[in-house]
Amino acid sequence: MRIDVITLFPELVDSVVKHGVVSRAAEQGLIELKLWNPRDFTQDRHRTVDDRPYGGGPGMLMKVEPLQACIHAVKQENPLAKLVYLSPQGKLLKQNLINQAVEQENLILLCGRYEGIDERLIQLEVDEEWSIGDYVISGGELAAMVCIDAITRQIPGALGHKDSAGQDSFSVGLLDCPHYTRPELINGLKVPEVLLNGHHQLIQDWRDKQALGRTWIRRPDLLGQMELSKRQQGLLDEFIAESTLA
């Protein structure tokens, strides 16, 4: 998969391919990251990339001409890519958007800075706007790194085990179940007995029940968006009953 990133701080975004899962995926050729700096498309000796907004007010906007020239250069090299502007006003980033991006195989991430970009550029050039949450950060670079990492995890072969991504939180619309490793006893807290008995179906039932229960407790809104199977509903009912008794 190819991801182009338009950013005033390419060295920041480049760090995402230096470590962990994304680094290994890049080494295997599973993901290609190319960085573009609008400063390289300026025409003045100061390489100016910001300008004052019409109507006054605090802050600056990214300058239109170099940013649009940069966008056109990226699109010329990667014409099949979807252009996503990372903005607090965009769609909330969820697993389905990540999965769709992986299927498309070509993506351009536009990182805003200052107070953002001219609205007309959004209308003319941007296909979608994505937000990583209801808060404001200094620029789109950290959001781009989140997107790159989340996308890479879904590329076949990127993770050490083929089933790892399928067990993540949100992969099936639920939060993940609790996990345990050695030692068996920590400060009086013991690993649940079901995980020690080697009975695969009982273990899977326990994990599914915990995932449903944890979602019911922490993110009931997610359950409201799902149509549970008869088995899932039964496991959730058991969890609720056991919680009530406790």
Protein backbone atom coordinates (compact mmCIF):
# COMPACT_ATOMS: atom_id res chain seq x y z
CA MET A 1 0.00 0.00 0.00
CA ARG A 2 1.19 3.51 -0.77
CA ILE A 3 0.55 6.48 1.53
CA ASP A 4 1.59 10.02 0.57
CA VAL A 5 1.68 12.61 3.34
CA ILE A 6 1.64 16.36 2.77
CA THR A 7 3.22 18.04 5.79
CA LEU A 8 5.36 20.97 6.86
CA PHE A 9 7.18 18.60 9.22
CA PRO A 10 8.12 15.52 7.16
CA GLU A 11 10.82 14.48 9.64
CA LEU A 12 8.14 14.08 12.32
CA VAL A 13 5.92 11.82 10.21
CA ASP A 14 8.94 9.90 8.90
CA SER A 15 9.61 8.65 12.44
CA VAL A 16 6.55 6.38 12.22
CA VAL A 17 8.41 4.08 9.81
CA LYS A 18 11.45 3.86 12.06
CA HIS A 19 9.92 1.67 14.74
CA GLY A 20 7.74 -1.36 15.43
CA VAL A 21 5.08 -2.79 13.16
CA VAL A 22 5.23 0.01 10.57
CA SER A 23 9.01 -0.27 10.29
CA ARG A 24 8.83 -4.02 9.66
CA ALA A 25 6.02 -3.58 7.14
CA ALA A 26 8.05 -0.94 5.26
CA GLU A 27 11.10 -3.23 5.20
CA GLN A 28 8.94 -6.01 3.74
CA GLY A 29 7.57 -3.69 1.06
CA LEU A 30 4.02 -3.96 2.42
CA ILE A 31 3.71 -0.21 2.85
CA GLU A 32 5.38 2.67 1.01
CA LEU A 33 5.44 6.11 2.64
CA LYS A 34 6.28 9.24 0.64
CA LEU A 35 6.48 12.67 2.25
CA TRP A 36 5.81 16.00 0.56
CA ASN A 37 6.56 19.45 1.97
CA PRO A 38 4.60 22.47 0.66
CA ARG A 39 7.69 24.59 1.38
CA ASP A 40 9.28 22.94 -1.64
CA PHE A 41 6.58 24.52 -3.82
CA THR A 42 6.96 28.13 -2.63
CA GLN A 43 8.19 30.88 -4.96
CA ASP A 44 9.70 33.37 -2.49
CA ARG A 45 13.14 33.21 -0.90
CA HIS A 46 11.67 32.91 2.59
CA ARG A 47 9.67 29.80 1.57
CA THR A 48 6.54 31.31 3.10
CA VAL A 49 3.75 28.81 3.80
CA ASP A 50 1.33 30.86 5.93
CA ASP A 51 -0.85 33.91 5.36
CA ARG A 52 -3.35 36.02 7.28
CA PRO A 53 -7.05 35.09 7.13
CA TYR A 54 -9.60 37.39 5.53
CA GLY A 55 -11.79 39.04 8.16
CA GLY A 56 -8.97 39.26 10.67
CA GLY A 57 -8.67 37.36 13.90
CA PRO A 58 -5.86 35.44 15.56
CA GLY A 59 -3.73 32.85 13.84
CA MET A 60 -2.68 32.21 10.27
CA LEU A 61 -3.77 29.85 7.49
CA MET A 62 -1.63 27.66 5.28
CA LYS A 63 -0.86 29.62 2.11
CA VAL A 64 -2.98 28.49 -0.86
CA GLU A 65 -0.53 28.52 -3.78
CA PRO A 66 2.26 26.26 -2.47
CA LEU A 67 -0.19 23.88 -0.85
CA GLN A 68 -2.27 23.52 -4.02
CA ALA A 69 0.86 23.06 -6.13
CA CYS A 70 2.03 20.35 -3.73
CA ILE A 71 -1.35 18.61 -3.87
CA HIS A 72 -1.31 18.62 -7.67
CA ALA A 73 2.20 17.16 -7.73
CA VAL A 74 1.15 14.34 -5.42
CA LYS A 75 -2.00 13.61 -7.42
CA GLN A 76 -0.02 13.54 -10.65
CA GLU A 77 2.27 10.88 -9.22
CA ASN A 78 -0.48 8.95 -7.42
CA PRO A 79 -3.69 9.68 -9.38
CA LEU A 80 -5.75 6.81 -7.91
CA ALA A 81 -5.32 7.95 -4.32
CA LYS A 82 -8.05 9.37 -2.09
CA LEU A 83 -7.07 12.71 -0.51
CA VAL A 84 -7.93 12.91 3.19
CA TYR A 85 -7.59 16.16 5.12
CA LEU A 86 -6.95 15.52 8.81
CA SER A 87 -9.17 17.96 10.66
CA PRO A 88 -11.09 18.15 13.97
CA GLN A 89 -14.16 18.81 11.81
CA GLY A 90 -13.88 15.52 9.93
CA LYS A 91 -15.50 12.12 10.31
CA LEU A 92 -14.48 10.44 13.52
CA LEU A 93 -11.80 7.90 12.66
CA LYS A 94 -13.18 4.40 13.18
CA GLN A 95 -12.14 0.93 12.12
CA ASN A 96 -14.38 0.91 9.06
CA LEU A 97 -12.56 3.95 7.61
CA ILE A 98 -9.24 2.25 8.21
CA ASN A 99 -10.43 -0.94 6.52
CA GLN A 100 -11.73 1.00 3.52
CA ALA A 101 -8.38 2.75 3.17
CA VAL A 102 -6.56 -0.58 3.11
CA GLU A 103 -8.87 -1.87 0.38
CA GLN A 104 -8.23 1.22 -1.73
CA GLU A 105 -4.42 0.73 -1.48
CA ASN A 106 -3.61 4.40 -2.27
CA LEU A 107 -4.07 7.27 0.17
CA ILE A 108 -2.97 10.88 0.52
CA LEU A 109 -3.01 12.41 4.01
CA LEU A 110 -3.00 16.20 4.22
CA CYS A 111 -1.71 17.60 7.52
CA GLY A 112 -3.01 21.03 8.41
CA ARG A 113 -1.11 23.56 10.52
CA TYR A 114 -1.86 26.94 12.06
CA GLU A 115 -5.63 27.59 11.84
CA GLY A 116 -6.03 25.14 8.94
CA ILE A 117 -6.40 25.59 5.19
CA ASP A 118 -8.52 27.73 2.88
CA GLU A 119 -12.06 26.35 2.60
CA ARG A 120 -11.89 26.53 -1.18
CA LEU A 121 -9.00 24.08 -1.22
CA ILE A 122 -11.14 21.66 0.75
CA GLN A 123 -13.93 22.04 -1.80
CA LEU A 124 -11.61 21.68 -4.80
CA GLU A 125 -9.10 19.06 -3.73
CA VAL A 126 -10.20 17.07 -0.67
CA ASP A 127 -12.19 13.83 -0.92
CA GLU A 128 -12.80 13.29 2.80
CA GLU A 129 -11.99 14.83 6.18
CA TRP A 130 -11.02 12.61 9.13
CA SER A 131 -10.70 13.43 12.81
CA ILE A 132 -8.96 11.27 15.42
CA GLY A 133 -11.07 12.72 18.24
CA ASP A 134 -12.98 15.64 19.67
CA TYR A 135 -9.96 17.69 20.69
CA VAL A 136 -7.45 19.98 18.99
CA ILE A 137 -3.75 19.28 18.45
CA SER A 138 -1.09 21.52 16.91
CA GLY A 139 -1.19 19.89 13.48
CA GLY A 140 -2.20 16.89 11.46
CA GLU A 141 1.14 15.07 11.73
CA LEU A 142 0.29 13.08 14.86
CA ALA A 143 -3.10 12.23 13.36
CA ALA A 144 -1.38 11.04 10.18
CA MET A 145 0.92 8.81 12.23
CA VAL A 146 -2.11 7.32 14.00
CA CYS A 147 -3.72 6.60 10.62
CA ILE A 148 -0.56 5.06 9.18
CA ASP A 149 -0.11 2.77 12.16
CA ALA A 150 -3.77 1.70 12.21
CA ILE A 151 -3.77 1.06 8.45
CA THR A 152 -0.53 -0.91 8.55
CA ARG A 153 -1.92 -3.29 11.17
CA GLN A 154 -4.65 -4.32 8.73
CA ILE A 155 -2.32 -5.13 5.83
CA PRO A 156 -1.94 -8.91 5.50
CA GLY A 157 1.49 -9.98 6.67
CA ALA A 158 2.24 -6.84 8.68
CA LEU A 159 1.67 -8.46 12.07
CA GLY A 160 3.54 -11.45 13.44
CA HIS A 161 0.40 -13.63 13.64
CA LYS A 162 -2.26 -13.64 10.94
CA ASP A 163 -5.07 -13.47 13.55
CA SER A 164 -3.62 -10.62 15.63
CA ALA A 165 -5.49 -7.77 13.94
CA GLY A 166 -8.76 -9.69 14.12
CA GLN A 167 -8.48 -9.80 17.91
CA ASP A 168 -7.94 -6.07 18.39
CA SER A 169 -10.57 -3.86 19.96
CA PHE A 170 -13.13 -2.61 17.37
CA SER A 171 -12.14 -5.28 14.82
CA VAL A 172 -15.63 -6.80 15.18
CA GLY A 173 -17.27 -3.72 16.72
CA LEU A 174 -16.46 -4.68 20.33
CA LEU A 175 -13.79 -3.81 22.84
CA ASP A 176 -11.16 -6.48 23.35
CA CYS A 177 -11.31 -9.02 26.19
CA PRO A 178 -8.80 -8.93 29.08
CA HIS A 179 -5.45 -10.64 28.51
CA TYR A 180 -3.03 -12.32 30.94
CA THR A 181 0.52 -13.64 30.88
CA ARG A 182 2.99 -15.16 33.37
CA PRO A 183 3.28 -15.27 36.33
CA GLU A 184 0.02 -16.96 37.27
CA LEU A 185 -0.29 -14.99 40.53
CA ILE A 186 0.49 -11.27 40.96
CA ASN A 187 -0.11 -9.56 44.32
CA GLY A 188 -2.90 -11.99 45.12
CA LEU A 189 -4.57 -11.64 41.72
CA LYS A 190 -4.80 -14.94 39.81
CA VAL A 191 -5.27 -15.66 36.13
CA PRO A 192 -8.89 -16.76 35.49
CA GLU A 193 -9.09 -20.53 35.83
CA VAL A 194 -10.75 -21.00 32.44
CA LEU A 195 -7.59 -19.78 30.69
CA LEU A 196 -5.54 -22.49 32.36
CA ASN A 197 -7.64 -25.55 31.51
CA GLY A 198 -6.66 -25.90 27.84
CA HIS A 199 -10.30 -26.27 26.68
CA HIS A 200 -10.33 -24.12 23.54
CA GLN A 201 -14.10 -23.70 23.22
CA LEU A 202 -14.51 -22.69 26.86
CA ILE A 203 -11.66 -20.22 26.48
CA GLN A 204 -13.24 -18.71 23.37
CA ASP A 205 -16.63 -18.47 25.08
CA TRP A 206 -15.00 -16.70 28.05
CA ARG A 207 -13.15 -14.27 25.81
CA ASP A 208 -16.25 -13.46 23.77
CA LYS A 209 -18.30 -13.00 26.95
CA GLN A 210 -15.70 -10.65 28.43
CA ALA A 211 -15.49 -8.63 25.21
CA LEU A 212 -19.26 -8.23 25.15
CA GLY A 213 -19.39 -7.42 28.86
CA ARG A 214 -16.57 -4.92 28.75
CA THR A 215 -18.25 -3.17 25.82
CA TRP A 216 -21.57 -3.16 27.71
CA ILE A 217 -19.86 -1.48 30.67
CA ARG A 218 -17.51 0.93 28.93
CA ARG A 219 -19.00 1.60 25.49
CA PRO A 220 -22.70 0.70 25.43
CA ASP A 221 -23.06 2.93 22.37
CA LEU A 222 -21.12 0.34 20.35
CA LEU A 223 -23.56 -2.41 21.32
CA GLY A 224 -26.41 -0.19 20.18
CA GLN A 225 -24.92 -0.22 16.68
CA MET A 226 -24.63 -4.01 16.50
CA GLU A 227 -27.01 -6.84 15.79
CA LEU A 228 -25.92 -9.57 18.19
CA SER A 229 -26.21 -13.21 17.25
CA LYS A 230 -28.19 -15.55 19.51
CA ARG A 231 -24.91 -16.85 20.94
CA GLN A 232 -23.56 -13.36 21.61
CA GLN A 233 -26.79 -12.25 23.26
CA GLY A 234 -26.71 -15.32 25.49
CA LEU A 235 -23.13 -14.63 26.54
CA LEU A 236 -23.93 -11.00 27.24
CA ASP A 237 -26.96 -11.97 29.31
CA GLU A 238 -24.75 -14.34 31.32
CA PHE A 239 -22.21 -11.57 31.91
CA ILE A 240 -24.90 -9.13 33.07
CA ALA A 241 -26.43 -11.72 35.37
CA GLU A 242 -23.05 -12.57 36.88
CA SER A 243 -22.23 -8.87 37.34
CA THR A 244 -25.55 -8.29 39.08
CA LEU A 245 -24.96 -11.22 41.44
CA ALA A 246 -21.45 -9.97 42.23
